[in-house]
N, C-alpha and C. Protein backbone atom coordinates (compact mmCIF):
# COMPACT_ATOMS: atom_id res chain seq x y z
N MET A 1 -11.68 154.95 91.48
CA MET A 1 -10.30 155.45 91.53
C MET A 1 -9.13 154.62 90.96
N SER A 2 -8.43 154.69 90.21
CA SER A 2 -7.42 154.05 89.86
C SER A 2 -5.89 154.39 90.49
N ILE A 3 -5.15 153.68 90.65
CA ILE A 3 -3.85 154.04 91.22
C ILE A 3 -2.71 153.76 89.75
N SER A 4 -2.04 154.71 89.75
CA SER A 4 -1.14 154.60 88.51
C SER A 4 0.24 154.65 89.48
N THR A 5 1.31 153.80 88.47
CA THR A 5 2.66 154.05 89.19
C THR A 5 3.68 153.97 87.56
N TRP A 6 4.25 154.79 87.96
CA TRP A 6 5.52 154.53 86.88
C TRP A 6 6.99 154.36 87.54
N ILE A 7 7.85 153.63 86.81
CA ILE A 7 8.92 153.31 87.24
C ILE A 7 10.15 153.57 86.34
N ALA A 8 10.93 154.55 86.72
CA ALA A 8 11.88 154.98 85.63
C ALA A 8 13.47 155.08 86.33
N ALA A 9 14.40 154.36 86.09
CA ALA A 9 15.58 154.36 86.35
C ALA A 9 15.54 153.93 87.87
N ARG A 10 15.88 154.73 88.89
CA ARG A 10 15.63 154.89 90.73
C ARG A 10 14.47 155.18 91.19
N ARG A 11 13.85 155.80 90.42
CA ARG A 11 12.59 156.71 91.07
C ARG A 11 11.32 155.62 90.62
N MET A 12 10.27 156.08 91.38
CA MET A 12 9.25 155.76 91.46
C MET A 12 8.11 156.96 91.54
N ARG A 13 7.01 156.80 90.62
CA ARG A 13 5.75 157.72 90.89
C ARG A 13 4.45 156.77 91.05
N VAL A 14 3.72 157.37 92.10
CA VAL A 14 2.20 156.73 92.50
C VAL A 14 1.44 157.48 92.57
N GLU A 15 0.15 157.87 91.66
CA GLU A 15 -0.26 158.44 91.57
C GLU A 15 -2.13 158.02 91.48
N ALA A 16 -2.88 158.96 92.26
CA ALA A 16 -4.32 158.14 92.39
C ALA A 16 -5.05 159.41 92.00
N ARG A 17 -5.89 158.69 90.94
CA ARG A 17 -6.76 159.75 90.09
C ARG A 17 -7.94 159.03 89.54
N PHE A 18 -8.95 159.86 88.94
CA PHE A 18 -9.96 159.41 88.76
C PHE A 18 -10.10 159.09 87.46
N PRO A 19 -11.19 157.91 86.99
CA PRO A 19 -11.01 157.87 85.39
C PRO A 19 -11.26 158.71 84.34
N GLU A 20 -10.52 158.80 83.23
CA GLU A 20 -10.71 159.68 82.23
C GLU A 20 -12.49 160.22 81.92
N GLY A 21 -12.95 161.19 82.03
CA GLY A 21 -14.08 161.42 81.85
C GLY A 21 -14.98 161.48 82.87
N GLN A 22 -14.32 161.22 84.25
CA GLN A 22 -15.34 161.03 85.30
C GLN A 22 -14.63 162.27 86.40
N ARG A 23 -14.30 163.68 86.15
CA ARG A 23 -13.33 164.32 87.09
C ARG A 23 -14.76 164.62 88.21
N HIS A 24 -16.34 164.62 87.93
CA HIS A 24 -16.75 165.12 89.08
C HIS A 24 -17.39 163.55 90.13
N THR A 25 -16.66 162.46 89.54
CA THR A 25 -16.90 161.29 90.46
C THR A 25 -16.44 161.65 91.91
N THR A 26 -17.16 161.12 92.93
CA THR A 26 -16.63 161.29 94.26
C THR A 26 -16.16 159.63 94.50
N GLY A 27 -15.09 159.78 95.67
CA GLY A 27 -14.51 158.42 95.97
C GLY A 27 -13.50 158.91 96.73
N SER A 28 -12.57 158.17 97.31
CA SER A 28 -11.38 157.67 97.90
C SER A 28 -10.66 156.78 98.07
N ALA A 29 -9.32 156.91 98.20
CA ALA A 29 -8.22 155.99 98.01
C ALA A 29 -7.41 156.31 99.32
N ASP A 30 -6.90 155.15 99.99
CA ASP A 30 -5.76 154.83 100.92
C ASP A 30 -4.80 154.36 100.52
N LEU A 31 -3.38 154.97 100.76
CA LEU A 31 -2.37 154.74 100.18
C LEU A 31 -1.51 154.66 101.39
N ASP A 32 -0.92 153.13 100.91
CA ASP A 32 0.18 152.79 102.16
C ASP A 32 1.51 152.19 101.36
N ILE A 33 2.30 153.01 101.16
CA ILE A 33 3.49 153.15 100.47
C ILE A 33 4.66 152.65 101.38
N LYS A 34 5.05 151.88 100.72
CA LYS A 34 6.40 151.34 101.77
C LYS A 34 7.87 151.77 100.59
N VAL A 35 9.07 152.27 101.18
CA VAL A 35 10.06 152.08 100.27
C VAL A 35 11.12 152.21 101.29
N PRO A 36 12.47 151.99 100.27
CA PRO A 36 13.78 151.80 101.49
C PRO A 36 13.90 152.70 102.21
N THR A 37 14.52 152.44 103.46
CA THR A 37 14.60 153.42 104.87
C THR A 37 15.38 154.89 104.27
N GLY A 38 16.34 154.68 103.53
CA GLY A 38 17.15 155.81 102.94
C GLY A 38 16.50 156.30 102.05
N ALA A 39 15.50 155.98 101.53
CA ALA A 39 14.85 156.62 99.99
C ALA A 39 14.31 158.09 100.28
N GLY A 40 14.61 159.05 99.09
CA GLY A 40 13.97 160.26 99.38
C GLY A 40 12.25 159.96 98.93
N LEU A 41 11.56 161.07 99.39
CA LEU A 41 9.93 161.10 99.61
C LEU A 41 9.38 162.19 99.49
N ARG A 42 8.61 162.56 98.15
CA ARG A 42 7.98 163.57 97.84
C ARG A 42 6.51 163.23 97.66
N ILE A 43 5.37 163.64 98.65
CA ILE A 43 3.86 163.45 98.33
C ILE A 43 3.04 164.54 98.45
N GLU A 44 2.27 164.89 97.75
CA GLU A 44 1.19 165.95 97.27
C GLU A 44 -0.16 165.51 97.40
N VAL A 45 -1.11 165.86 98.28
CA VAL A 45 -2.37 165.46 98.08
C VAL A 45 -3.05 166.34 98.54
N VAL A 46 -4.56 166.31 98.38
CA VAL A 46 -5.66 167.33 98.64
C VAL A 46 -7.01 166.87 99.16
N ASN A 47 -7.12 167.24 100.17
CA ASN A 47 -8.01 166.85 100.97
C ASN A 47 -7.83 165.05 101.62
N ALA A 48 -6.46 165.02 102.10
CA ALA A 48 -6.08 163.88 102.43
C ALA A 48 -4.82 164.44 103.59
N THR A 49 -4.60 163.39 104.37
CA THR A 49 -3.68 163.54 105.44
C THR A 49 -2.61 162.63 105.26
N ILE A 50 -1.23 163.21 105.70
CA ILE A 50 -0.07 162.59 105.11
C ILE A 50 0.58 162.26 106.85
N SER A 51 0.96 160.65 106.72
CA SER A 51 1.62 160.17 107.59
C SER A 51 3.17 159.51 107.53
N VAL A 52 3.92 160.06 107.89
CA VAL A 52 5.13 159.47 107.51
C VAL A 52 6.12 158.63 108.35
N SER A 53 6.47 157.34 108.32
CA SER A 53 7.46 156.97 109.61
C SER A 53 8.55 156.14 108.78
N LYS A 54 9.72 155.94 109.48
CA LYS A 54 10.72 155.12 109.42
C LYS A 54 11.32 155.30 107.69
N VAL A 55 11.43 156.82 107.49
CA VAL A 55 11.98 156.92 106.38
C VAL A 55 12.93 158.09 106.85
N THR A 56 14.44 158.30 106.52
CA THR A 56 15.28 158.56 106.92
C THR A 56 16.20 159.48 105.95
N GLY A 57 15.76 159.48 104.86
CA GLY A 57 16.11 160.20 103.38
C GLY A 57 15.44 161.52 103.71
N GLU A 58 15.53 162.39 102.49
CA GLU A 58 15.06 163.99 102.68
C GLU A 58 13.70 163.58 101.90
N VAL A 59 12.77 164.48 102.76
CA VAL A 59 11.26 163.99 102.65
C VAL A 59 10.77 165.64 102.58
N ASP A 60 9.75 165.89 101.40
CA ASP A 60 9.01 166.97 100.69
C ASP A 60 7.76 166.43 100.91
N LEU A 61 6.71 167.28 101.93
CA LEU A 61 5.52 166.89 101.90
C LEU A 61 4.50 168.13 101.54
N GLN A 62 3.63 167.90 100.89
CA GLN A 62 2.67 169.34 100.46
C GLN A 62 1.41 168.69 100.59
N ALA A 63 0.63 169.43 101.53
CA ALA A 63 -1.14 169.09 101.63
C ALA A 63 -1.73 170.21 101.50
N VAL A 64 -3.30 170.08 100.93
CA VAL A 64 -4.16 171.21 101.03
C VAL A 64 -5.36 170.37 101.80
N ASN A 65 -5.94 171.23 102.62
CA ASN A 65 -6.85 170.49 103.57
C ASN A 65 -6.44 169.03 104.06
N GLY A 66 -5.59 169.26 104.83
CA GLY A 66 -5.01 168.11 105.51
C GLY A 66 -3.81 168.19 106.52
N ASP A 67 -3.80 166.97 107.13
CA ASP A 67 -2.65 167.55 108.28
C ASP A 67 -1.33 166.46 107.75
N ILE A 68 -0.48 166.76 108.42
CA ILE A 68 1.03 166.33 108.19
C ILE A 68 1.66 165.63 109.15
N THR A 69 1.95 164.44 109.76
CA THR A 69 2.63 163.97 110.36
C THR A 69 4.00 163.31 110.47
N VAL A 70 4.89 163.32 110.66
CA VAL A 70 6.26 162.86 110.44
C VAL A 70 6.50 162.19 112.09
N VAL A 71 6.88 160.71 112.25
CA VAL A 71 7.71 160.18 113.21
C VAL A 71 8.98 159.77 112.80
N ASP A 72 9.95 159.14 113.70
CA ASP A 72 11.10 158.32 113.38
C ASP A 72 12.18 159.76 112.74
N PRO A 73 13.40 159.62 113.14
CA PRO A 73 14.47 160.36 112.48
C PRO A 73 14.55 160.77 111.14
N LEU A 74 14.99 161.47 110.54
CA LEU A 74 14.85 161.66 109.04
C LEU A 74 16.00 162.62 108.85
N GLU A 75 16.13 162.57 107.63
CA GLU A 75 17.78 163.61 107.34
C GLU A 75 17.04 164.71 107.06
N ARG A 76 16.31 165.24 106.29
CA ARG A 76 15.78 166.41 105.79
C ARG A 76 14.27 166.63 105.76
N LEU A 77 13.54 167.76 106.36
CA LEU A 77 12.44 168.01 105.75
C LEU A 77 11.79 168.81 105.48
N ASN A 78 10.87 169.18 104.18
CA ASN A 78 10.36 170.23 104.07
C ASN A 78 8.79 169.72 104.12
N ALA A 79 8.10 170.49 104.78
CA ALA A 79 6.73 170.65 104.96
C ALA A 79 5.72 171.87 104.83
N GLN A 80 4.53 171.25 103.83
CA GLN A 80 3.65 172.67 103.53
C GLN A 80 2.35 171.95 103.56
N THR A 81 1.57 172.95 104.67
CA THR A 81 0.17 172.48 104.53
C THR A 81 -1.35 173.91 104.59
N VAL A 82 -2.12 173.62 103.79
CA VAL A 82 -3.33 174.84 103.76
C VAL A 82 -4.10 174.26 104.55
N ASN A 83 -5.02 174.89 105.57
CA ASN A 83 -5.63 173.93 106.47
C ASN A 83 -5.58 173.15 107.15
N GLY A 84 -4.14 173.02 107.63
CA GLY A 84 -3.90 171.58 108.32
C GLY A 84 -2.66 171.56 109.36
N VAL A 85 -2.59 170.77 110.18
CA VAL A 85 -1.89 171.06 111.31
C VAL A 85 -0.44 169.87 110.74
N ILE A 86 0.41 170.69 111.33
CA ILE A 86 2.18 169.97 111.06
C ILE A 86 2.58 169.72 112.40
N THR A 87 3.05 168.34 112.47
CA THR A 87 2.98 167.63 113.75
C THR A 87 4.44 166.97 113.18
N ILE A 88 5.84 167.10 113.88
CA ILE A 88 7.01 166.27 113.59
C ILE A 88 7.47 166.24 114.96
N GLU A 89 7.43 164.69 115.00
CA GLU A 89 8.02 163.95 116.56
C GLU A 89 9.41 163.08 116.06
N SER A 90 10.13 163.76 115.73
CA SER A 90 11.19 163.30 115.22
C SER A 90 12.67 164.18 115.44
N LYS A 91 13.87 163.31 115.20
CA LYS A 91 15.21 163.96 115.35
C LYS A 91 15.04 164.33 114.02
N CYS A 92 15.45 165.87 113.59
CA CYS A 92 15.77 166.19 112.31
C CYS A 92 16.77 167.60 112.79
N ASP A 93 17.98 167.47 111.60
CA ASP A 93 18.59 168.69 111.78
C ASP A 93 18.55 169.74 110.78
N HIS A 94 17.59 169.37 109.82
CA HIS A 94 17.26 170.52 108.64
C HIS A 94 15.26 170.17 108.75
N VAL A 95 14.82 171.28 108.82
CA VAL A 95 13.56 171.38 108.97
C VAL A 95 12.83 173.03 108.53
N ASP A 96 12.00 172.84 107.19
CA ASP A 96 11.32 173.75 106.91
C ASP A 96 9.70 173.56 106.92
N ALA A 97 9.20 174.15 107.80
CA ALA A 97 7.67 173.65 107.76
C ALA A 97 6.75 174.99 107.66
N GLU A 98 5.59 175.09 106.87
CA GLU A 98 4.59 176.15 106.64
C GLU A 98 3.27 175.89 106.86
N THR A 99 2.42 176.62 107.04
CA THR A 99 0.88 176.07 107.13
C THR A 99 0.53 177.47 107.31
N VAL A 100 -0.86 177.46 106.53
CA VAL A 100 -1.80 178.60 106.35
C VAL A 100 -2.89 177.93 106.91
N GLY A 101 -3.68 178.27 108.33
CA GLY A 101 -4.88 178.04 108.86
C GLY A 101 -4.61 177.10 109.92
N GLY A 102 -3.41 176.68 110.02
CA GLY A 102 -3.46 175.29 111.01
C GLY A 102 -2.11 176.02 112.02
N LYS A 103 -1.32 174.90 112.84
CA LYS A 103 -0.09 175.40 113.92
C LYS A 103 0.46 174.06 113.46
N ILE A 104 1.94 174.54 114.03
CA ILE A 104 2.95 173.87 113.82
C ILE A 104 3.68 173.32 115.24
N VAL A 105 3.70 171.63 115.10
CA VAL A 105 4.36 171.27 116.61
C VAL A 105 5.54 170.47 115.87
N LEU A 106 6.98 171.05 116.54
CA LEU A 106 8.18 170.39 116.27
C LEU A 106 8.49 169.75 117.60
N ASN A 107 8.81 168.53 117.67
CA ASN A 107 9.06 168.01 118.65
C ASN A 107 10.70 167.02 118.31
N GLY A 108 11.69 167.57 118.91
CA GLY A 108 12.90 166.62 118.50
C GLY A 108 13.76 167.06 117.68
N VAL A 109 13.55 168.04 117.18
CA VAL A 109 14.42 168.83 116.01
C VAL A 109 15.69 169.53 116.57
N GLY A 110 16.49 169.75 115.69
CA GLY A 110 17.35 170.95 116.12
C GLY A 110 18.19 171.29 115.02
N GLY A 111 19.40 171.61 115.01
CA GLY A 111 20.00 172.12 113.72
C GLY A 111 19.62 173.41 113.24
N ASP A 112 19.07 173.39 112.10
CA ASP A 112 18.34 174.53 111.34
C ASP A 112 17.29 174.17 110.96
N VAL A 113 16.26 175.34 111.38
CA VAL A 113 14.72 174.84 111.64
C VAL A 113 14.41 176.29 111.23
N THR A 114 13.23 175.93 110.19
CA THR A 114 12.56 177.41 109.64
C THR A 114 11.29 177.06 110.07
N ALA A 115 10.11 178.11 110.49
CA ALA A 115 8.68 177.48 110.44
C ALA A 115 8.20 178.82 110.26
N GLY A 116 6.94 178.59 109.86
CA GLY A 116 6.17 179.71 109.69
C GLY A 116 4.51 179.53 109.70
N ALA A 117 3.60 180.09 110.11
CA ALA A 117 2.14 179.80 110.29
C ALA A 117 1.53 181.28 110.36
N VAL A 118 0.40 181.07 109.42
CA VAL A 118 -0.52 182.11 109.50
C VAL A 118 -1.79 181.79 109.78
N GLY A 119 -2.34 182.40 110.89
CA GLY A 119 -3.48 181.81 111.44
C GLY A 119 -3.38 180.61 112.23
N GLY A 120 -2.02 180.68 113.27
CA GLY A 120 -1.89 179.45 114.01
C GLY A 120 -0.67 179.60 114.59
N SER A 121 -0.61 178.31 115.64
CA SER A 121 0.82 178.67 116.40
C SER A 121 2.10 177.79 115.95
N ILE A 122 3.08 177.88 117.00
CA ILE A 122 4.38 177.40 116.41
C ILE A 122 4.78 177.21 117.93
N GLN A 123 4.97 175.78 118.17
CA GLN A 123 5.31 175.14 119.08
C GLN A 123 7.11 174.26 119.02
N LEU A 124 7.92 174.42 119.26
CA LEU A 124 9.37 174.20 119.06
C LEU A 124 9.74 173.72 120.26
N THR A 125 10.05 172.40 120.30
CA THR A 125 10.86 171.53 121.81
C THR A 125 12.09 171.13 121.10
N ALA A 126 13.50 171.61 121.13
CA ALA A 126 14.57 171.00 120.79
C ALA A 126 15.32 170.01 121.38
N ALA A 127 15.66 168.64 120.67
CA ALA A 127 16.05 167.93 121.29
C ALA A 127 17.82 167.78 121.09
N SER A 128 18.46 168.61 120.29
CA SER A 128 19.67 168.83 119.87
C SER A 128 19.97 170.18 119.87
N GLU A 129 21.30 170.86 119.82
CA GLU A 129 21.57 172.60 119.98
C GLU A 129 20.98 172.70 118.67
N LEU A 130 20.09 173.99 118.53
CA LEU A 130 19.92 174.73 117.71
C LEU A 130 20.99 175.57 117.13
N GLU A 131 21.26 175.79 115.76
CA GLU A 131 22.10 176.51 115.23
C GLU A 131 21.66 177.76 114.64
N ARG A 132 20.36 177.49 114.09
CA ARG A 132 19.77 178.57 113.30
C ARG A 132 18.33 178.17 113.65
N ALA A 133 17.43 179.11 113.89
CA ALA A 133 16.02 179.24 113.63
C ALA A 133 15.44 180.42 113.21
N LYS A 134 14.31 180.66 112.74
CA LYS A 134 13.92 181.10 112.20
C LYS A 134 12.10 181.02 112.26
N LEU A 135 11.56 181.82 113.12
CA LEU A 135 9.92 181.51 113.60
C LEU A 135 9.35 182.74 113.00
N SER A 136 8.43 182.46 112.47
CA SER A 136 7.14 183.62 112.41
C SER A 136 5.80 183.05 112.51
N THR A 137 4.94 183.92 112.96
CA THR A 137 3.26 183.97 113.01
C THR A 137 2.87 185.21 112.59
N VAL A 138 1.74 184.97 112.00
CA VAL A 138 0.94 186.32 111.70
C VAL A 138 -0.05 186.27 113.08
N SER A 139 -0.88 185.66 113.52
CA SER A 139 -1.64 185.84 114.48
C SER A 139 -1.69 184.54 115.42
N GLY A 140 -0.44 184.09 115.84
CA GLY A 140 -0.45 182.66 117.02
C GLY A 140 0.66 183.03 117.43
N PRO A 141 0.46 182.51 119.04
CA PRO A 141 1.92 182.72 119.70
C PRO A 141 3.05 181.57 119.48
N ILE A 142 4.09 181.81 119.71
CA ILE A 142 5.35 180.92 119.57
C ILE A 142 5.80 180.81 120.80
N ASP A 143 6.17 179.42 120.75
CA ASP A 143 7.12 178.57 122.25
C ASP A 143 8.15 177.86 121.66
N LEU A 144 9.46 178.16 122.35
CA LEU A 144 10.34 178.01 121.90
C LEU A 144 11.30 177.26 123.14
N THR A 145 11.43 175.99 123.34
CA THR A 145 12.59 175.52 124.12
C THR A 145 13.81 174.89 123.67
N GLY A 146 14.83 175.14 124.27
CA GLY A 146 16.19 174.36 123.50
C GLY A 146 17.49 174.86 123.95
N THR A 147 18.46 174.47 123.25
CA THR A 147 19.75 174.78 124.17
C THR A 147 20.36 175.38 122.58
N LEU A 148 21.12 176.29 122.59
CA LEU A 148 21.52 177.24 121.35
C LEU A 148 22.89 176.83 121.18
N GLY A 149 23.46 176.47 119.87
CA GLY A 149 25.15 176.16 119.69
C GLY A 149 25.61 177.47 119.84
N ALA A 150 27.06 177.37 119.65
CA ALA A 150 27.95 178.79 120.37
C ALA A 150 27.48 179.82 119.44
N ASN A 151 27.58 179.66 118.03
CA ASN A 151 27.54 180.77 117.00
C ASN A 151 25.89 180.69 116.53
N ALA A 152 25.09 180.28 117.23
CA ALA A 152 23.56 180.27 116.83
C ALA A 152 22.91 181.58 116.41
N THR A 153 21.76 181.68 115.59
CA THR A 153 21.10 183.03 115.18
C THR A 153 19.70 182.36 115.22
N ILE A 154 18.94 183.03 116.28
CA ILE A 154 17.82 182.70 116.59
C ILE A 154 16.75 183.89 116.07
N HIS A 155 16.02 183.91 115.16
CA HIS A 155 15.03 184.79 115.01
C HIS A 155 13.73 184.48 114.86
N VAL A 156 13.05 185.05 116.17
CA VAL A 156 11.57 184.85 116.26
C VAL A 156 10.58 186.32 116.04
N GLU A 157 9.46 186.17 115.46
CA GLU A 157 9.21 187.11 114.81
C GLU A 157 7.34 186.71 115.21
N SER A 158 6.50 187.52 115.52
CA SER A 158 5.01 187.42 115.50
C SER A 158 4.35 189.03 115.77
N HIS A 159 3.54 188.93 114.66
CA HIS A 159 2.72 189.86 114.70
C HIS A 159 1.74 190.02 115.85
N SER A 160 0.55 189.12 116.11
CA SER A 160 -0.09 189.86 117.39
C SER A 160 -0.26 188.44 118.23
N GLY A 161 0.99 187.90 118.62
CA GLY A 161 0.82 186.41 119.38
C GLY A 161 2.16 186.76 120.35
N ASP A 162 1.65 186.03 121.37
CA ASP A 162 2.95 186.42 122.49
C ASP A 162 4.18 185.09 121.75
N VAL A 163 5.22 185.67 122.65
CA VAL A 163 6.26 184.68 122.13
C VAL A 163 6.85 184.35 123.49
N THR A 164 7.62 183.03 123.85
CA THR A 164 8.04 182.61 124.80
C THR A 164 9.13 181.70 124.41
N LEU A 165 10.67 181.93 125.34
CA LEU A 165 11.74 181.29 124.56
C LEU A 165 11.96 180.76 126.04
N ARG A 166 12.43 179.54 126.05
CA ARG A 166 12.81 178.78 127.65
C ARG A 166 14.35 178.00 127.03
N LEU A 167 15.07 178.89 127.68
CA LEU A 167 16.68 178.53 127.38
C LEU A 167 17.54 178.46 128.34
N PRO A 168 18.65 177.52 128.61
CA PRO A 168 19.15 177.27 129.96
C PRO A 168 19.93 178.18 130.57
N ALA A 169 19.89 178.24 131.97
CA ALA A 169 20.45 179.46 132.50
C ALA A 169 21.97 179.93 132.51
N ASP A 170 22.38 179.19 131.56
CA ASP A 170 24.17 179.78 131.35
C ASP A 170 23.95 180.17 129.97
N VAL A 171 22.89 179.87 129.26
CA VAL A 171 22.68 180.43 127.99
C VAL A 171 23.89 181.59 127.97
N SER A 172 24.64 181.75 126.71
CA SER A 172 25.82 182.91 126.41
C SER A 172 25.17 183.33 124.91
N ALA A 173 24.58 184.38 124.73
CA ALA A 173 24.20 184.97 124.13
C ALA A 173 23.91 186.67 124.02
N GLU A 174 23.67 187.43 122.62
CA GLU A 174 23.37 188.72 122.75
C GLU A 174 21.81 188.23 122.61
N PHE A 175 21.00 189.52 123.49
CA PHE A 175 19.60 189.39 123.31
C PHE A 175 19.05 190.68 122.61
N ASP A 176 18.05 190.79 121.59
CA ASP A 176 17.32 192.08 121.25
C ASP A 176 15.94 191.84 121.10
N ALA A 177 14.95 192.21 122.27
CA ALA A 177 13.66 191.79 122.09
C ALA A 177 13.09 193.25 122.25
N THR A 178 11.84 193.10 121.17
CA THR A 178 11.17 194.36 121.22
C THR A 178 9.39 193.86 121.16
N SER A 179 8.46 194.78 122.03
CA SER A 179 7.07 194.57 121.82
C SER A 179 6.64 195.83 121.49
N PHE A 180 5.59 196.24 120.40
CA PHE A 180 5.55 197.36 120.29
C PHE A 180 3.96 197.78 121.24
N SER A 181 3.54 196.96 121.60
CA SER A 181 2.01 197.26 122.51
C SER A 181 2.11 196.25 123.76
N GLY A 182 3.07 195.54 124.25
CA GLY A 182 3.21 194.41 125.27
C GLY A 182 4.36 194.57 126.09
N LYS A 183 4.21 193.40 126.84
CA LYS A 183 5.52 193.50 127.69
C LYS A 183 6.35 192.61 127.84
N ILE A 184 7.38 192.54 128.37
CA ILE A 184 8.67 191.80 128.30
C ILE A 184 8.75 191.35 129.77
N ASP A 185 9.08 190.24 130.14
CA ASP A 185 9.40 189.63 131.23
C ASP A 185 10.88 188.65 130.83
N ASN A 186 11.76 188.94 131.71
CA ASN A 186 12.99 188.67 131.38
C ASN A 186 13.79 187.97 133.01
N ALA A 187 13.72 186.85 132.65
CA ALA A 187 14.53 186.15 133.81
C ALA A 187 15.71 185.94 133.88
N PHE A 188 16.57 186.50 132.88
CA PHE A 188 17.93 186.70 132.51
C PHE A 188 18.93 187.98 132.99
N GLY A 189 17.94 188.59 133.65
CA GLY A 189 18.47 190.04 134.02
C GLY A 189 17.86 191.25 133.77
N PRO A 190 18.09 192.40 133.41
CA PRO A 190 17.23 193.38 133.41
C PRO A 190 16.06 193.54 132.98
N GLY A 191 15.69 194.46 133.44
CA GLY A 191 13.89 194.50 132.82
C GLY A 191 13.76 195.41 131.65
N ALA A 192 12.84 195.54 131.07
CA ALA A 192 12.75 196.33 129.93
C ALA A 192 11.95 197.68 130.00
N PRO A 193 12.51 198.55 129.72
CA PRO A 193 12.10 200.10 129.94
C PRO A 193 10.88 200.32 128.95
N LYS A 194 10.18 201.17 129.11
CA LYS A 194 9.23 201.93 128.08
C LYS A 194 9.87 202.59 126.94
N ARG A 195 9.63 202.40 125.54
CA ARG A 195 10.12 203.63 124.48
C ARG A 195 9.51 204.79 124.57
N GLY A 196 9.96 205.69 125.46
CA GLY A 196 9.59 206.93 125.38
C GLY A 196 8.13 207.14 125.78
N TYR A 197 7.25 207.71 124.77
CA TYR A 197 5.51 207.51 125.16
C TYR A 197 4.95 206.49 124.73
N SER A 198 5.64 205.90 124.00
CA SER A 198 4.88 204.70 123.51
C SER A 198 4.57 203.31 124.57
N PRO A 199 3.63 202.41 124.10
CA PRO A 199 3.28 201.52 124.95
C PRO A 199 4.05 200.68 125.22
N GLY A 200 5.10 200.48 123.98
CA GLY A 200 5.97 199.02 124.03
C GLY A 200 6.90 199.26 124.87
N ARG A 201 7.74 197.79 124.46
CA ARG A 201 9.21 198.05 125.26
C ARG A 201 10.15 197.36 124.65
N SER A 202 11.48 197.50 124.65
CA SER A 202 12.46 197.03 123.87
C SER A 202 13.54 196.82 125.02
N LEU A 203 14.44 195.78 124.72
CA LEU A 203 15.49 195.17 125.69
C LEU A 203 16.62 194.50 124.85
N ASN A 204 17.87 195.09 125.14
CA ASN A 204 18.82 194.82 124.67
C ASN A 204 20.15 194.45 125.85
N PHE A 205 20.57 193.26 125.77
CA PHE A 205 21.34 192.68 126.76
C PHE A 205 22.55 191.30 126.48
N ARG A 206 23.10 191.16 127.23
CA ARG A 206 24.08 190.15 127.19
C ARG A 206 24.26 189.42 128.14
N THR A 207 24.21 187.76 127.87
CA THR A 207 24.74 186.85 128.73
C THR A 207 25.93 186.35 128.83
N GLY A 208 26.82 185.96 129.62
CA GLY A 208 28.31 185.14 129.33
C GLY A 208 28.85 185.52 128.50
N ALA A 209 29.14 185.12 127.36
CA ALA A 209 30.80 185.89 126.33
C ALA A 209 29.48 186.69 125.25
N GLY A 210 28.14 186.29 125.31
CA GLY A 210 27.31 186.82 123.98
C GLY A 210 27.74 186.30 122.86
N ASP A 211 27.64 184.75 122.96
CA ASP A 211 28.13 183.93 121.69
C ASP A 211 27.48 183.88 120.68
N ALA A 212 25.86 183.55 120.82
CA ALA A 212 24.78 183.21 119.64
C ALA A 212 24.20 184.64 119.72
N GLN A 213 23.14 184.71 119.14
CA GLN A 213 22.53 185.88 118.45
C GLN A 213 21.22 185.61 118.60
N VAL A 214 20.18 186.35 119.69
CA VAL A 214 18.75 186.02 119.58
C VAL A 214 17.88 187.31 119.55
N SER A 215 17.29 187.30 118.35
CA SER A 215 16.18 188.40 118.28
C SER A 215 14.90 187.96 118.23
N VAL A 216 13.82 189.00 118.82
CA VAL A 216 12.84 188.44 119.32
C VAL A 216 12.12 189.78 119.37
N SER A 217 10.40 189.64 118.37
CA SER A 217 10.01 190.94 118.08
C SER A 217 8.37 190.43 118.07
N THR A 218 7.59 191.49 118.75
CA THR A 218 6.20 190.83 118.33
C THR A 218 5.69 192.56 118.66
N PHE A 219 4.20 192.83 117.77
CA PHE A 219 4.05 193.70 117.34
C PHE A 219 2.80 193.96 118.49
N SER A 220 1.92 193.30 118.79
CA SER A 220 0.87 193.61 119.90
C SER A 220 0.71 192.12 120.87
N GLY A 221 1.94 191.57 121.11
CA GLY A 221 2.17 190.48 121.99
C GLY A 221 2.73 190.63 123.43
N ASP A 222 3.21 189.81 124.13
CA ASP A 222 3.91 189.84 125.36
C ASP A 222 5.39 188.88 124.94
N ILE A 223 6.62 189.29 125.55
CA ILE A 223 7.24 188.41 125.19
C ILE A 223 7.76 187.75 126.36
N GLN A 224 8.48 186.70 126.99
CA GLN A 224 8.79 186.00 127.79
C GLN A 224 9.89 185.27 127.64
N LEU A 225 11.17 185.88 128.29
CA LEU A 225 12.36 185.11 128.12
C LEU A 225 12.77 184.41 129.32
N LEU A 226 12.60 183.09 129.37
CA LEU A 226 12.88 181.94 130.81
C LEU A 226 13.92 180.99 130.90
N LYS A 227 14.28 180.66 132.14
CA LYS A 227 14.99 179.83 132.34
C LYS A 227 14.34 178.51 132.47
N LYS A 228 15.15 177.28 131.37
CA LYS A 228 14.38 176.09 131.36
C LYS A 228 14.94 175.35 132.61
């Protein structure tokens, strides 16, 4: 397998490919690429893993049949994988992560976070205030631990998974929580009454001045609103 490199202006492209006419040849390549710390980075792989460290610019990562791992703080991250796990162990205030057939683990993020998983879970532990978070799964649980900004907007949705939010005891927010066929445990105040004859529960309440907006829903899972 050959390694091809193109350099144009201030951009570089590195590609691993089979020789012409040998499409069915088997082989592998390990690429260890070093770039300037603040450089932007885009990586696309098939049947391979991606690991990024010590890059602080904007990073765009895409993998098919591979995991994605990022450590060390960076400016902005977009990560997508099919049949892989996304693990972010770094400070980042702009994150967009999606996986099909895997899970997402976000530790140290904050600011603006979007994450979606099909057939997997989402775990988010924020190191700084969340200003906007949109988390969704189809068949996996969601676990969020963090502090909310004064005007934060948080939307968490799972079709068939449990949802757990761990927030400060003095959080100031408007809460809207709904579960079609599960229960709602609320450590911040009122319990959740049944919705007529349906098995589900719904709950609307305010803590403090109600600065942030928190919306949580699940179709066939339970919801826990806990104090951290």
